[in-house]
Amino acid sequence: MRMEGTFEVGAPRERVWRCITDPTLMVACIPGCEEIAPVDARRYRARVLVEVGPVKARFNLVVEVVEELPFERVASVTRGEEGTRASILSAENMVILAEIGPALTEVRYSSDVSVTGRLAKYGLGMMKKRVDRLGVEFAERFRERIAAGATSA
């Protein structure tokens, strides 16, 4: 399943970069994200609750940054499972930042997501319908944090 979108943020690209690469800020922006903690300089552990209709799955994930070009793009790979391995998730992710003006940045994101197991069996059809809404929720939350003056710790 592919998830992709574009949104604009009223801030310079360098500031957007600092925020988009700050796990403390991202936990508040990613729908369902309950926790993000660094493992090392390139890997993070995350716990994310995915709710699709009546199906709920809490994933323990490892996110690994595989490419980073400061202020321009970051690529990562996400892998993990629901607590009992009832569902397994993997994703290849890309975020690209483009400066549109002195205080305006375009954020383009894409993610190729694969889900197997219980969540795929019972919730995949509903999940495909919800994917676009997840991107919109993320963009709204991210813009709110930027407008409130969020910066990297």
N, C-alpha and C. Protein backbone atom coordinates (compact mmCIF):
# COMPACT_ATOMS: atom_id res chain seq x y z
N MET A 1 0.86 -1.16 0.00
CA MET A 1 0.00 0.00 0.00
C MET A 1 0.91 1.23 0.00
N ARG A 2 0.57 2.20 -0.83
CA ARG A 2 1.38 3.42 -0.93
C ARG A 2 0.64 4.57 -0.26
N MET A 3 1.39 5.30 0.54
CA MET A 3 0.86 6.50 1.19
C MET A 3 1.78 7.64 0.77
N GLU A 4 1.19 8.69 0.20
CA GLU A 4 2.00 9.83 -0.23
C GLU A 4 1.17 11.09 -0.20
N GLY A 5 1.88 12.21 -0.09
CA GLY A 5 1.19 13.48 -0.07
C GLY A 5 2.17 14.63 0.00
N THR A 6 1.62 15.83 -0.05
CA THR A 6 2.40 17.06 -0.01
C THR A 6 1.63 18.07 0.83
N PHE A 7 2.36 18.85 1.62
CA PHE A 7 1.74 19.95 2.34
C PHE A 7 2.77 21.05 2.54
N GLU A 8 2.28 22.26 2.81
CA GLU A 8 3.16 23.41 3.02
C GLU A 8 3.18 23.79 4.49
N VAL A 9 4.35 24.28 4.91
CA VAL A 9 4.55 24.72 6.29
C VAL A 9 5.10 26.14 6.25
N GLY A 10 4.52 27.02 7.04
CA GLY A 10 4.96 28.41 7.09
C GLY A 10 6.18 28.60 7.96
N ALA A 11 7.32 28.06 7.49
CA ALA A 11 8.59 28.18 8.21
C ALA A 11 9.73 27.92 7.23
N PRO A 12 10.91 28.45 7.52
CA PRO A 12 12.07 28.17 6.67
C PRO A 12 12.41 26.67 6.66
N ARG A 13 13.01 26.23 5.57
CA ARG A 13 13.31 24.81 5.40
C ARG A 13 14.21 24.27 6.52
N GLU A 14 15.20 25.04 6.98
CA GLU A 14 16.09 24.57 8.04
C GLU A 14 15.33 24.30 9.33
N ARG A 15 14.37 25.14 9.64
CA ARG A 15 13.57 24.94 10.85
C ARG A 15 12.66 23.72 10.71
N VAL A 16 12.06 23.55 9.53
CA VAL A 16 11.22 22.39 9.28
C VAL A 16 12.07 21.12 9.41
N TRP A 17 13.29 21.15 8.90
CA TRP A 17 14.19 20.00 9.00
C TRP A 17 14.46 19.65 10.47
N ARG A 18 14.79 20.65 11.27
CA ARG A 18 15.07 20.39 12.69
C ARG A 18 13.86 19.74 13.37
N CYS A 19 12.67 20.19 13.00
CA CYS A 19 11.46 19.63 13.62
C CYS A 19 11.14 18.24 13.10
N ILE A 20 11.28 18.03 11.81
CA ILE A 20 10.90 16.74 11.22
C ILE A 20 11.87 15.64 11.63
N THR A 21 13.07 16.02 12.08
CA THR A 21 14.06 15.04 12.53
C THR A 21 14.15 14.98 14.06
N ASP A 22 13.20 15.58 14.74
CA ASP A 22 13.17 15.58 16.21
C ASP A 22 12.16 14.55 16.69
N PRO A 23 12.62 13.41 17.24
CA PRO A 23 11.67 12.37 17.65
C PRO A 23 10.70 12.83 18.73
N THR A 24 11.11 13.73 19.59
CA THR A 24 10.22 14.24 20.64
C THR A 24 9.03 14.97 20.04
N LEU A 25 9.27 15.73 19.00
CA LEU A 25 8.19 16.46 18.33
C LEU A 25 7.35 15.50 17.48
N MET A 26 7.99 14.54 16.84
CA MET A 26 7.27 13.61 15.96
C MET A 26 6.26 12.76 16.72
N VAL A 27 6.56 12.40 17.96
CA VAL A 27 5.62 11.58 18.72
C VAL A 27 4.26 12.28 18.85
N ALA A 28 4.26 13.60 18.89
CA ALA A 28 3.01 14.36 19.00
C ALA A 28 2.33 14.56 17.65
N CYS A 29 3.04 14.31 16.56
CA CYS A 29 2.49 14.57 15.23
C CYS A 29 2.00 13.31 14.51
N ILE A 30 2.61 12.19 14.76
CA ILE A 30 2.26 10.96 14.05
C ILE A 30 1.00 10.36 14.68
N PRO A 31 -0.07 10.22 13.91
CA PRO A 31 -1.30 9.65 14.46
C PRO A 31 -1.06 8.26 15.07
N GLY A 32 -1.49 8.08 16.30
CA GLY A 32 -1.36 6.80 16.98
C GLY A 32 -0.02 6.55 17.64
N CYS A 33 0.96 7.44 17.43
CA CYS A 33 2.29 7.24 18.01
C CYS A 33 2.23 7.51 19.51
N GLU A 34 2.66 6.54 20.29
CA GLU A 34 2.64 6.66 21.74
C GLU A 34 4.02 6.94 22.32
N GLU A 35 5.06 6.55 21.59
CA GLU A 35 6.41 6.70 22.12
C GLU A 35 7.43 6.57 21.01
N ILE A 36 8.49 7.37 21.08
CA ILE A 36 9.66 7.23 20.21
C ILE A 36 10.88 7.42 21.11
N ALA A 37 11.83 6.50 21.01
CA ALA A 37 13.05 6.60 21.81
C ALA A 37 14.25 6.24 20.94
N PRO A 38 15.33 7.03 21.01
CA PRO A 38 16.51 6.69 20.22
C PRO A 38 17.18 5.41 20.72
N VAL A 39 17.65 4.60 19.77
CA VAL A 39 18.44 3.42 20.07
C VAL A 39 19.91 3.77 19.90
N ASP A 40 20.20 4.45 18.79
CA ASP A 40 21.53 4.97 18.50
C ASP A 40 21.35 6.14 17.53
N ALA A 41 22.42 6.57 16.89
CA ALA A 41 22.36 7.76 16.04
C ALA A 41 21.46 7.60 14.82
N ARG A 42 21.16 6.38 14.40
CA ARG A 42 20.38 6.16 13.18
C ARG A 42 19.12 5.33 13.38
N ARG A 43 18.89 4.83 14.59
CA ARG A 43 17.74 3.97 14.82
C ARG A 43 16.92 4.46 16.02
N TYR A 44 15.61 4.25 15.91
CA TYR A 44 14.66 4.62 16.95
C TYR A 44 13.69 3.47 17.18
N ARG A 45 13.25 3.34 18.41
CA ARG A 45 12.15 2.42 18.73
C ARG A 45 10.90 3.27 18.86
N ALA A 46 9.80 2.75 18.33
CA ALA A 46 8.53 3.48 18.42
C ALA A 46 7.42 2.49 18.75
N ARG A 47 6.42 2.99 19.44
CA ARG A 47 5.21 2.21 19.71
C ARG A 47 4.05 2.99 19.11
N VAL A 48 3.31 2.34 18.21
CA VAL A 48 2.24 3.00 17.48
C VAL A 48 0.98 2.15 17.55
N LEU A 49 -0.12 2.80 17.90
CA LEU A 49 -1.42 2.13 17.93
C LEU A 49 -2.13 2.43 16.61
N VAL A 50 -2.49 1.37 15.91
CA VAL A 50 -3.21 1.50 14.64
C VAL A 50 -4.64 1.02 14.91
N GLU A 51 -5.60 1.90 14.64
CA GLU A 51 -7.01 1.57 14.81
C GLU A 51 -7.69 1.66 13.46
N VAL A 52 -8.20 0.55 13.00
CA VAL A 52 -8.89 0.50 11.72
C VAL A 52 -10.24 -0.15 11.97
N GLY A 53 -11.27 0.68 12.02
CA GLY A 53 -12.60 0.16 12.35
C GLY A 53 -12.54 -0.50 13.72
N PRO A 54 -13.04 -1.73 13.83
CA PRO A 54 -13.04 -2.41 15.12
C PRO A 54 -11.69 -3.06 15.47
N VAL A 55 -10.75 -3.06 14.52
CA VAL A 55 -9.46 -3.74 14.73
C VAL A 55 -8.45 -2.74 15.28
N LYS A 56 -7.80 -3.13 16.39
CA LYS A 56 -6.74 -2.32 16.99
C LYS A 56 -5.49 -3.16 17.07
N ALA A 57 -4.36 -2.55 16.70
CA ALA A 57 -3.09 -3.25 16.78
C ALA A 57 -2.04 -2.27 17.29
N ARG A 58 -1.29 -2.68 18.30
CA ARG A 58 -0.21 -1.85 18.85
C ARG A 58 1.10 -2.45 18.36
N PHE A 59 1.83 -1.68 17.54
CA PHE A 59 3.07 -2.15 16.94
C PHE A 59 4.28 -1.64 17.70
N ASN A 60 5.24 -2.54 17.90
CA ASN A 60 6.57 -2.19 18.40
C ASN A 60 7.47 -2.13 17.18
N LEU A 61 7.94 -0.92 16.86
CA LEU A 61 8.65 -0.70 15.60
C LEU A 61 10.08 -0.26 15.83
N VAL A 62 10.92 -0.54 14.85
CA VAL A 62 12.26 0.03 14.78
C VAL A 62 12.33 0.83 13.49
N VAL A 63 12.68 2.09 13.61
CA VAL A 63 12.83 2.97 12.46
C VAL A 63 14.32 3.23 12.28
N GLU A 64 14.82 2.93 11.09
CA GLU A 64 16.24 3.14 10.80
C GLU A 64 16.38 4.18 9.68
N VAL A 65 17.14 5.22 9.96
CA VAL A 65 17.43 6.24 8.96
C VAL A 65 18.50 5.66 8.04
N VAL A 66 18.17 5.53 6.74
CA VAL A 66 19.11 4.92 5.80
C VAL A 66 19.79 5.96 4.91
N GLU A 67 19.21 7.15 4.84
CA GLU A 67 19.82 8.23 4.06
C GLU A 67 19.36 9.56 4.66
N GLU A 68 20.31 10.47 4.77
CA GLU A 68 19.98 11.78 5.31
C GLU A 68 20.80 12.84 4.58
N LEU A 69 20.12 13.74 3.92
CA LEU A 69 20.75 14.88 3.28
C LEU A 69 20.16 16.11 3.96
N PRO A 70 20.89 16.68 4.94
CA PRO A 70 20.33 17.75 5.77
C PRO A 70 19.63 18.86 4.97
N PHE A 71 18.49 19.23 5.49
CA PHE A 71 17.62 20.28 4.97
C PHE A 71 16.90 19.90 3.68
N GLU A 72 17.18 18.71 3.13
CA GLU A 72 16.57 18.32 1.86
C GLU A 72 15.74 17.05 1.93
N ARG A 73 16.34 15.95 2.42
CA ARG A 73 15.57 14.70 2.44
C ARG A 73 16.10 13.74 3.49
N VAL A 74 15.19 12.87 3.91
CA VAL A 74 15.54 11.78 4.82
C VAL A 74 14.76 10.54 4.38
N ALA A 75 15.47 9.43 4.31
CA ALA A 75 14.84 8.15 3.96
C ALA A 75 15.01 7.22 5.15
N SER A 76 13.99 6.43 5.39
CA SER A 76 14.05 5.49 6.52
C SER A 76 13.32 4.20 6.17
N VAL A 77 13.61 3.19 6.96
CA VAL A 77 12.94 1.90 6.85
C VAL A 77 12.34 1.61 8.22
N THR A 78 11.09 1.18 8.23
CA THR A 78 10.38 0.86 9.47
C THR A 78 10.00 -0.61 9.44
N ARG A 79 10.27 -1.29 10.55
CA ARG A 79 9.89 -2.70 10.66
C ARG A 79 9.43 -2.97 12.08
N GLY A 80 8.45 -3.85 12.20
CA GLY A 80 8.03 -4.23 13.53
C GLY A 80 6.82 -5.13 13.51
N GLU A 81 6.36 -5.41 14.71
CA GLU A 81 5.26 -6.36 14.84
C GLU A 81 4.35 -5.96 15.98
N GLU A 82 3.15 -6.48 15.88
CA GLU A 82 2.20 -6.37 16.97
C GLU A 82 2.72 -7.29 18.07
N GLY A 83 2.46 -6.96 19.31
CA GLY A 83 3.01 -7.68 20.45
C GLY A 83 3.12 -9.18 20.33
N THR A 84 2.13 -9.84 19.78
CA THR A 84 2.14 -11.29 19.69
C THR A 84 2.48 -11.79 18.29
N ARG A 85 3.04 -10.93 17.48
CA ARG A 85 3.35 -11.24 16.08
C ARG A 85 2.10 -11.55 15.28
N ALA A 86 0.96 -11.10 15.77
CA ALA A 86 -0.29 -11.31 15.05
C ALA A 86 -0.30 -10.54 13.74
N SER A 87 0.41 -9.40 13.71
CA SER A 87 0.54 -8.59 12.50
C SER A 87 1.99 -8.11 12.41
N ILE A 88 2.50 -8.03 11.19
CA ILE A 88 3.85 -7.55 10.96
C ILE A 88 3.77 -6.39 9.97
N LEU A 89 4.51 -5.33 10.25
CA LEU A 89 4.51 -4.13 9.42
C LEU A 89 5.92 -3.83 8.95
N SER A 90 6.05 -3.44 7.70
CA SER A 90 7.32 -2.93 7.18
C SER A 90 6.99 -1.78 6.23
N ALA A 91 7.88 -0.80 6.18
CA ALA A 91 7.65 0.36 5.32
C ALA A 91 8.98 0.98 4.89
N GLU A 92 9.00 1.47 3.68
CA GLU A 92 10.12 2.28 3.18
C GLU A 92 9.57 3.69 3.05
N ASN A 93 10.24 4.66 3.69
CA ASN A 93 9.71 6.02 3.82
C ASN A 93 10.68 7.05 3.26
N MET A 94 10.13 8.12 2.70
CA MET A 94 10.94 9.22 2.19
C MET A 94 10.22 10.53 2.52
N VAL A 95 10.98 11.50 3.03
CA VAL A 95 10.48 12.86 3.24
C VAL A 95 11.43 13.80 2.51
N ILE A 96 10.86 14.68 1.68
CA ILE A 96 11.64 15.64 0.91
C ILE A 96 11.14 17.03 1.23
N LEU A 97 12.07 17.94 1.53
CA LEU A 97 11.73 19.33 1.83
C LEU A 97 12.19 20.22 0.69
N ALA A 98 11.32 21.12 0.25
CA ALA A 98 11.66 22.06 -0.81
C ALA A 98 11.31 23.47 -0.35
N GLU A 99 12.26 24.36 -0.48
CA GLU A 99 12.02 25.75 -0.10
C GLU A 99 11.20 26.43 -1.20
N ILE A 100 10.04 26.95 -0.81
CA ILE A 100 9.16 27.64 -1.76
C ILE A 100 9.38 29.14 -1.65
N GLY A 101 9.69 29.61 -0.47
CA GLY A 101 9.95 31.02 -0.20
C GLY A 101 10.78 31.12 1.06
N PRO A 102 11.11 32.35 1.49
CA PRO A 102 11.96 32.51 2.67
C PRO A 102 11.38 31.91 3.95
N ALA A 103 10.08 31.86 4.05
CA ALA A 103 9.45 31.29 5.25
C ALA A 103 8.33 30.33 4.86
N LEU A 104 8.56 29.58 3.76
CA LEU A 104 7.56 28.62 3.30
C LEU A 104 8.27 27.39 2.74
N THR A 105 7.90 26.23 3.28
CA THR A 105 8.54 24.98 2.89
C THR A 105 7.48 23.97 2.46
N GLU A 106 7.76 23.29 1.37
CA GLU A 106 6.90 22.20 0.92
C GLU A 106 7.47 20.89 1.47
N VAL A 107 6.60 20.09 2.06
CA VAL A 107 6.98 18.78 2.58
C VAL A 107 6.29 17.73 1.71
N ARG A 108 7.10 16.88 1.07
CA ARG A 108 6.57 15.76 0.29
C ARG A 108 6.96 14.47 1.01
N TYR A 109 6.01 13.59 1.16
CA TYR A 109 6.30 12.33 1.85
C TYR A 109 5.72 11.17 1.05
N SER A 110 6.38 10.04 1.19
CA SER A 110 5.86 8.82 0.59
C SER A 110 6.29 7.65 1.48
N SER A 111 5.45 6.64 1.48
CA SER A 111 5.73 5.45 2.27
C SER A 111 5.09 4.26 1.57
N ASP A 112 5.91 3.24 1.31
CA ASP A 112 5.40 1.98 0.79
C ASP A 112 5.28 1.05 1.98
N VAL A 113 4.04 0.75 2.36
CA VAL A 113 3.76 0.01 3.58
C VAL A 113 3.26 -1.39 3.23
N SER A 114 3.78 -2.37 3.97
CA SER A 114 3.32 -3.75 3.84
C SER A 114 2.88 -4.22 5.23
N VAL A 115 1.66 -4.75 5.30
CA VAL A 115 1.13 -5.28 6.55
C VAL A 115 0.66 -6.70 6.29
N THR A 116 1.09 -7.62 7.15
CA THR A 116 0.62 -9.00 7.04
C THR A 116 0.02 -9.42 8.38
N GLY A 117 -0.74 -10.49 8.36
CA GLY A 117 -1.31 -11.01 9.59
C GLY A 117 -2.72 -10.50 9.86
N ARG A 118 -3.06 -10.47 11.13
CA ARG A 118 -4.42 -10.15 11.58
C ARG A 118 -4.92 -8.81 11.05
N LEU A 119 -4.10 -7.76 11.15
CA LEU A 119 -4.54 -6.44 10.70
C LEU A 119 -4.81 -6.44 9.19
N ALA A 120 -3.96 -7.11 8.43
CA ALA A 120 -4.17 -7.18 6.98
C ALA A 120 -5.44 -7.96 6.65
N LYS A 121 -5.64 -9.03 7.37
CA LYS A 121 -6.79 -9.90 7.09
C LYS A 121 -8.11 -9.20 7.39
N TYR A 122 -8.18 -8.51 8.53
CA TYR A 122 -9.46 -7.93 8.96
C TYR A 122 -9.61 -6.44 8.69
N GLY A 123 -8.49 -5.73 8.48
CA GLY A 123 -8.62 -4.29 8.39
C GLY A 123 -8.03 -3.63 7.16
N LEU A 124 -7.45 -4.39 6.24
CA LEU A 124 -6.75 -3.79 5.11
C LEU A 124 -7.65 -2.93 4.23
N GLY A 125 -8.85 -3.40 3.95
CA GLY A 125 -9.77 -2.61 3.13
C GLY A 125 -10.08 -1.27 3.76
N MET A 126 -10.35 -1.27 5.06
CA MET A 126 -10.63 -0.01 5.76
C MET A 126 -9.37 0.84 5.89
N MET A 127 -8.21 0.18 6.04
CA MET A 127 -6.97 0.92 6.19
C MET A 127 -6.67 1.73 4.92
N LYS A 128 -6.91 1.15 3.77
CA LYS A 128 -6.66 1.85 2.51
C LYS A 128 -7.50 3.13 2.43
N LYS A 129 -8.71 3.09 2.96
CA LYS A 129 -9.57 4.28 2.96
C LYS A 129 -9.06 5.33 3.95
N ARG A 130 -8.40 4.89 5.01
CA ARG A 130 -7.97 5.80 6.07
C ARG A 130 -6.58 6.41 5.83
N VAL A 131 -5.81 5.84 4.90
CA VAL A 131 -4.44 6.27 4.67
C VAL A 131 -4.34 7.77 4.38
N ASP A 132 -5.18 8.29 3.49
CA ASP A 132 -5.11 9.71 3.16
C ASP A 132 -5.39 10.58 4.38
N ARG A 133 -6.33 10.16 5.20
CA ARG A 133 -6.66 10.92 6.41
C ARG A 133 -5.49 10.97 7.39
N LEU A 134 -4.70 9.90 7.46
CA LEU A 134 -3.53 9.89 8.35
C LEU A 134 -2.53 10.96 7.94
N GLY A 135 -2.31 11.10 6.63
CA GLY A 135 -1.41 12.14 6.13
C GLY A 135 -1.90 13.53 6.46
N VAL A 136 -3.19 13.75 6.33
CA VAL A 136 -3.79 15.05 6.65
C VAL A 136 -3.65 15.34 8.14
N GLU A 137 -3.91 14.33 8.98
CA GLU A 137 -3.77 14.50 10.44
C GLU A 137 -2.34 14.86 10.81
N PHE A 138 -1.36 14.17 10.19
CA PHE A 138 0.03 14.47 10.47
C PHE A 138 0.35 15.92 10.10
N ALA A 139 -0.04 16.33 8.89
CA ALA A 139 0.24 17.69 8.42
C ALA A 139 -0.36 18.74 9.35
N GLU A 140 -1.59 18.52 9.78
CA GLU A 140 -2.25 19.47 10.68
C GLU A 140 -1.50 19.59 12.00
N ARG A 141 -1.15 18.45 12.58
CA ARG A 141 -0.44 18.45 13.86
C ARG A 141 0.94 19.08 13.73
N PHE A 142 1.63 18.78 12.63
CA PHE A 142 2.97 19.34 12.42
C PHE A 142 2.91 20.85 12.27
N ARG A 143 1.97 21.34 11.46
CA ARG A 143 1.81 22.79 11.29
C ARG A 143 1.51 23.48 12.62
N GLU A 144 0.66 22.84 13.44
CA GLU A 144 0.33 23.41 14.76
C GLU A 144 1.57 23.55 15.62
N ARG A 145 2.44 22.54 15.62
CA ARG A 145 3.67 22.58 16.43
C ARG A 145 4.61 23.66 15.93
N ILE A 146 4.71 23.80 14.62
CA ILE A 146 5.58 24.84 14.04
C ILE A 146 5.03 26.22 14.42
N ALA A 147 3.71 26.41 14.28
CA ALA A 147 3.09 27.70 14.60
C ALA A 147 3.25 28.03 16.08
N ALA A 148 3.28 27.00 16.93
CA ALA A 148 3.43 27.22 18.37
C ALA A 148 4.88 27.47 18.76
N GLY A 149 5.78 27.43 17.77
CA GLY A 149 7.18 27.73 18.05
C GLY A 149 8.03 26.54 18.39
N ALA A 150 7.58 25.34 18.04
CA ALA A 150 8.36 24.13 18.36
C ALA A 150 9.70 24.18 17.65
N THR A 151 10.73 23.78 18.36
CA THR A 151 12.05 23.64 17.78
C THR A 151 12.66 22.36 18.30
N SER A 152 13.71 21.94 17.65
CA SER A 152 14.38 20.73 18.08
C SER A 152 15.03 20.94 19.44
N ALA A 153 15.00 19.90 20.25
CA ALA A 153 15.58 19.99 21.59
C ALA A 153 17.08 20.12 21.53
